[in-house]
């Protein structure tokens, strides 16, 4: 097919929640990145903890401590994944942990990093979400680049 231009992403964003589903999405991204010499941006988003619910509030210092522990845990897990990927393949993998609303953070990263492909699992740790409004669905609707949904 001479003359036709094949899509060759240079910057691939892979959001992960460390589930087996996210691992499958990462594997797909690695295959694509290897073929096109792309950079993989591996992202984990730590949800902000609601300090108050109905009429009960947690101590602000406790919320802060739990969020910091979650961020540190995620950074450590990402470092291990990056080290493993970099050792097995000749890939550039950049990892990051952000705090915030998951899908909004993913879309912000896409814009900020010039991402031209998002590879995301169709469902994550919480299992298959059958209603509209899942993170993958919101990313699919809001992304300004192609999204590969991995089942």
C-alpha atoms as a PDB file:
ATOM      1  CA  UNK A   1       0.000   0.000   0.000  1.00  0.00           C
ATOM      2  CA  UNK A   2       2.353   2.629  -1.234  1.00  0.00           C
ATOM      3  CA  UNK A   3       1.428   6.173  -0.428  1.00  0.00           C
ATOM      4  CA  UNK A   4      -0.666   5.319   2.615  1.00  0.00           C
ATOM      5  CA  UNK A   5       0.711   6.637   5.869  1.00  0.00           C
ATOM      6  CA  UNK A   6       0.698   4.283   8.831  1.00  0.00           C
ATOM      7  CA  UNK A   7      -0.075   5.668  12.283  1.00  0.00           C
ATOM      8  CA  UNK A   8       3.200   5.720  14.219  1.00  0.00           C
ATOM      9  CA  UNK A   9       2.750   7.123  17.727  1.00  0.00           C
ATOM     10  CA  UNK A  10       5.772   8.763  19.345  1.00  0.00           C
ATOM     11  CA  UNK A  11       4.373   9.372  22.848  1.00  0.00           C
ATOM     12  CA  UNK A  12       2.171   6.699  24.408  1.00  0.00           C
ATOM     13  CA  UNK A  13       0.348   7.246  27.698  1.00  0.00           C
ATOM     14  CA  UNK A  14      -0.476   4.139  29.728  1.00  0.00           C
ATOM     15  CA  UNK A  15      -2.550   4.778  32.848  1.00  0.00           C
ATOM     16  CA  UNK A  16      -2.154   1.964  35.388  1.00  0.00           C
ATOM     17  CA  UNK A  17      -3.914   0.920  38.569  1.00  0.00           C
ATOM     18  CA  UNK A  18      -1.514  -2.063  38.911  1.00  0.00           C
ATOM     19  CA  UNK A  19      -4.282  -4.542  38.076  1.00  0.00           C
ATOM     20  CA  UNK A  20      -3.877  -7.478  35.683  1.00  0.00           C
ATOM     21  CA  UNK A  21      -5.993  -5.496  33.212  1.00  0.00           C
ATOM     22  CA  UNK A  22      -3.572  -2.562  33.312  1.00  0.00           C
ATOM     23  CA  UNK A  23      -0.692  -5.001  32.865  1.00  0.00           C
ATOM     24  CA  UNK A  24      -2.307  -6.217  29.628  1.00  0.00           C
ATOM     25  CA  UNK A  25      -2.651  -2.642  28.383  1.00  0.00           C
ATOM     26  CA  UNK A  26       1.010  -1.991  29.220  1.00  0.00           C
ATOM     27  CA  UNK A  27       2.058  -5.113  27.310  1.00  0.00           C
ATOM     28  CA  UNK A  28       0.181  -3.835  24.242  1.00  0.00           C
ATOM     29  CA  UNK A  29       1.823  -0.417  24.615  1.00  0.00           C
ATOM     30  CA  UNK A  30       5.266  -2.022  24.874  1.00  0.00           C
ATOM     31  CA  UNK A  31       4.678  -3.914  21.620  1.00  0.00           C
ATOM     32  CA  UNK A  32       3.611  -0.715  19.852  1.00  0.00           C
ATOM     33  CA  UNK A  33       6.466   1.316  21.380  1.00  0.00           C
ATOM     34  CA  UNK A  34       9.039  -1.301  20.376  1.00  0.00           C
ATOM     35  CA  UNK A  35       7.814  -1.238  16.792  1.00  0.00           C
ATOM     36  CA  UNK A  36       7.738   2.572  16.488  1.00  0.00           C
ATOM     37  CA  UNK A  37      10.526   3.550  18.920  1.00  0.00           C
ATOM     38  CA  UNK A  38       7.950   5.446  20.990  1.00  0.00           C
ATOM     39  CA  UNK A  39       8.290   6.807  24.505  1.00  0.00           C
ATOM     40  CA  UNK A  40       5.935   5.283  27.074  1.00  0.00           C
ATOM     41  CA  UNK A  41       4.550   7.501  29.808  1.00  0.00           C
ATOM     42  CA  UNK A  42       3.367   5.220  32.591  1.00  0.00           C
ATOM     43  CA  UNK A  43       0.931   7.044  34.869  1.00  0.00           C
ATOM     44  CA  UNK A  44      -0.707   6.142  38.160  1.00  0.00           C
ATOM     45  CA  UNK A  45      -3.299   8.486  39.642  1.00  0.00           C
ATOM     46  CA  UNK A  46      -3.922   8.476  43.388  1.00  0.00           C
ATOM     47  CA  UNK A  47      -7.512   9.474  44.109  1.00  0.00           C
ATOM     48  CA  UNK A  48      -7.909  12.300  46.560  1.00  0.00           C
ATOM     49  CA  UNK A  49      -9.491  11.053  49.769  1.00  0.00           C
ATOM     50  CA  UNK A  50     -12.728  12.756  50.743  1.00  0.00           C
ATOM     51  CA  UNK A  51     -12.122  14.155  54.193  1.00  0.00           C
ATOM     52  CA  UNK A  52     -15.810  14.346  55.064  1.00  0.00           C
ATOM     53  CA  UNK A  53     -18.721  12.063  54.234  1.00  0.00           C
ATOM     54  CA  UNK A  54     -22.252  12.891  55.364  1.00  0.00           C
ATOM     55  CA  UNK A  55     -21.728  13.942  58.984  1.00  0.00           C
ATOM     56  CA  UNK A  56     -18.348  12.332  59.685  1.00  0.00           C
ATOM     57  CA  UNK A  57     -14.944  13.878  58.984  1.00  0.00           C
ATOM     58  CA  UNK A  58     -11.473  12.383  59.138  1.00  0.00           C
ATOM     59  CA  UNK A  59      -8.613  14.295  60.669  1.00  0.00           C
ATOM     60  CA  UNK A  60      -6.819  16.306  57.944  1.00  0.00           C
ATOM     61  CA  UNK A  61      -3.401  15.017  59.052  1.00  0.00           C
ATOM     62  CA  UNK A  62      -4.620  11.402  58.726  1.00  0.00           C
ATOM     63  CA  UNK A  63      -5.914  12.065  55.194  1.00  0.00           C
ATOM     64  CA  UNK A  64      -2.589  13.708  54.283  1.00  0.00           C
ATOM     65  CA  UNK A  65      -0.605  10.784  55.730  1.00  0.00           C
ATOM     66  CA  UNK A  66      -2.648   8.168  53.827  1.00  0.00           C
ATOM     67  CA  UNK A  67      -2.320  10.119  50.563  1.00  0.00           C
ATOM     68  CA  UNK A  68       1.459  10.444  51.034  1.00  0.00           C
ATOM     69  CA  UNK A  69       1.752   6.697  51.736  1.00  0.00           C
ATOM     70  CA  UNK A  70      -0.315   5.923  48.621  1.00  0.00           C
ATOM     71  CA  UNK A  71       1.898   8.189  46.496  1.00  0.00           C
ATOM     72  CA  UNK A  72       5.098   6.607  47.877  1.00  0.00           C
ATOM     73  CA  UNK A  73       3.766   3.077  47.325  1.00  0.00           C
ATOM     74  CA  UNK A  74       2.754   3.891  43.740  1.00  0.00           C
ATOM     75  CA  UNK A  75       6.119   5.533  42.972  1.00  0.00           C
ATOM     76  CA  UNK A  76       7.939   2.441  44.237  1.00  0.00           C
ATOM     77  CA  UNK A  77       5.771   0.084  42.149  1.00  0.00           C
ATOM     78  CA  UNK A  78       6.238   2.218  39.041  1.00  0.00           C
ATOM     79  CA  UNK A  79      10.029   2.305  39.531  1.00  0.00           C
ATOM     80  CA  UNK A  80      10.088  -1.505  39.597  1.00  0.00           C
ATOM     81  CA  UNK A  81       7.950  -1.739  36.436  1.00  0.00           C
ATOM     82  CA  UNK A  82      10.133   0.788  34.594  1.00  0.00           C
ATOM     83  CA  UNK A  83      13.312  -1.022  35.636  1.00  0.00           C
ATOM     84  CA  UNK A  84      11.897  -4.362  34.466  1.00  0.00           C
ATOM     85  CA  UNK A  85      10.700  -2.908  31.131  1.00  0.00           C
ATOM     86  CA  UNK A  86      13.926  -1.035  30.473  1.00  0.00           C
ATOM     87  CA  UNK A  87      15.967  -4.159  31.168  1.00  0.00           C
ATOM     88  CA  UNK A  88      13.954  -6.420  28.874  1.00  0.00           C
ATOM     89  CA  UNK A  89      13.423  -4.014  25.979  1.00  0.00           C
ATOM     90  CA  UNK A  90      15.258  -1.044  24.568  1.00  0.00           C
ATOM     91  CA  UNK A  91      12.510   1.383  25.541  1.00  0.00           C
ATOM     92  CA  UNK A  92      12.254   4.823  27.024  1.00  0.00           C
ATOM     93  CA  UNK A  93       9.718   4.618  29.846  1.00  0.00           C
ATOM     94  CA  UNK A  94       8.901   7.635  31.978  1.00  0.00           C
ATOM     95  CA  UNK A  95       6.738   7.091  35.045  1.00  0.00           C
ATOM     96  CA  UNK A  96       4.754   9.538  37.087  1.00  0.00           C
ATOM     97  CA  UNK A  97       2.342   9.523  40.015  1.00  0.00           C
ATOM     98  CA  UNK A  98      -0.256  12.257  40.223  1.00  0.00           C
ATOM     99  CA  UNK A  99      -2.979  13.022  42.729  1.00  0.00           C
ATOM    100  CA  UNK A 100      -6.458  13.942  41.548  1.00  0.00           C
ATOM    101  CA  UNK A 101      -9.479  12.788  39.605  1.00  0.00           C
ATOM    102  CA  UNK A 102      -8.286   9.864  37.481  1.00  0.00           C
ATOM    103  CA  UNK A 103      -9.797  10.620  34.097  1.00  0.00           C
ATOM    104  CA  UNK A 104      -9.214  14.401  34.346  1.00  0.00           C
ATOM    105  CA  UNK A 105      -5.582  13.768  35.257  1.00  0.00           C
ATOM    106  CA  UNK A 106      -5.146  11.362  32.324  1.00  0.00           C
ATOM    107  CA  UNK A 107      -6.583  13.936  29.893  1.00  0.00           C
ATOM    108  CA  UNK A 108      -4.372  16.682  31.361  1.00  0.00           C
ATOM    109  CA  UNK A 109      -1.283  14.474  30.952  1.00  0.00           C
ATOM    110  CA  UNK A 110      -2.292  13.770  27.347  1.00  0.00           C
ATOM    111  CA  UNK A 111      -2.365  17.486  26.623  1.00  0.00           C
ATOM    112  CA  UNK A 112       0.740  18.431  28.650  1.00  0.00           C
ATOM    113  CA  UNK A 113       2.993  15.676  27.264  1.00  0.00           C
ATOM    114  CA  UNK A 114       1.873  15.787  23.635  1.00  0.00           C
ATOM    115  CA  UNK A 115       0.576  12.232  23.822  1.00  0.00           C
ATOM    116  CA  UNK A 116      -0.539  10.813  20.474  1.00  0.00           C
ATOM    117  CA  UNK A 117      -1.877   7.466  21.754  1.00  0.00           C
ATOM    118  CA  UNK A 118      -3.470   6.408  25.041  1.00  0.00           C
ATOM    119  CA  UNK A 119      -3.475   2.678  25.799  1.00  0.00           C
ATOM    120  CA  UNK A 120      -5.908   1.941  28.614  1.00  0.00           C
ATOM    121  CA  UNK A 121      -7.570  -1.134  30.098  1.00  0.00           C
ATOM    122  CA  UNK A 122     -11.308  -1.363  29.532  1.00  0.00           C
ATOM    123  CA  UNK A 123     -11.693  -2.037  33.252  1.00  0.00           C
ATOM    124  CA  UNK A 124      -9.473  -1.964  36.302  1.00  0.00           C
ATOM    125  CA  UNK A 125      -9.200  -3.169  39.873  1.00  0.00           C
ATOM    126  CA  UNK A 126     -12.866  -2.649  40.566  1.00  0.00           C
ATOM    127  CA  UNK A 127     -13.812  -5.105  37.822  1.00  0.00           C
ATOM    128  CA  UNK A 128     -15.928  -4.522  34.785  1.00  0.00           C
ATOM    129  CA  UNK A 129     -17.926  -1.369  35.215  1.00  0.00           C
ATOM    130  CA  UNK A 130     -21.082  -1.891  33.212  1.00  0.00           C
ATOM    131  CA  UNK A 131     -22.371   1.662  33.487  1.00  0.00           C
ATOM    132  CA  UNK A 132     -21.262   4.647  31.461  1.00  0.00           C
ATOM    133  CA  UNK A 133     -18.956   6.898  33.374  1.00  0.00           C
ATOM    134  CA  UNK A 134     -16.066   4.527  33.955  1.00  0.00           C
ATOM    135  CA  UNK A 135     -12.583   6.043  33.687  1.00  0.00           C
ATOM    136  CA  UNK A 136     -11.923   4.310  30.355  1.00  0.00           C
ATOM    137  CA  UNK A 137     -15.225   5.556  28.936  1.00  0.00           C
ATOM    138  CA  UNK A 138     -14.556   9.148  30.031  1.00  0.00           C
ATOM    139  CA  UNK A 139     -11.025   9.029  28.602  1.00  0.00           C
ATOM    140  CA  UNK A 140     -12.375   7.619  25.338  1.00  0.00           C
ATOM    141  CA  UNK A 141     -14.872  10.485  25.094  1.00  0.00           C
ATOM    142  CA  UNK A 142     -12.516  13.267  26.180  1.00  0.00           C
ATOM    143  CA  UNK A 143      -9.173  12.374  24.592  1.00  0.00           C
ATOM    144  CA  UNK A 144      -7.816  14.491  21.747  1.00  0.00           C
ATOM    145  CA  UNK A 145      -5.844  11.548  20.347  1.00  0.00           C
ATOM    146  CA  UNK A 146      -6.542   7.891  19.460  1.00  0.00           C
ATOM    147  CA  UNK A 147      -7.322   5.628  22.422  1.00  0.00           C
ATOM    148  CA  UNK A 148      -6.605   1.893  22.347  1.00  0.00           C
ATOM    149  CA  UNK A 149      -8.999   0.148  24.717  1.00  0.00           C
ATOM    150  CA  UNK A 150      -7.538  -3.180  25.872  1.00  0.00           C
ATOM    151  CA  UNK A 151     -10.008  -5.815  27.084  1.00  0.00           C
END
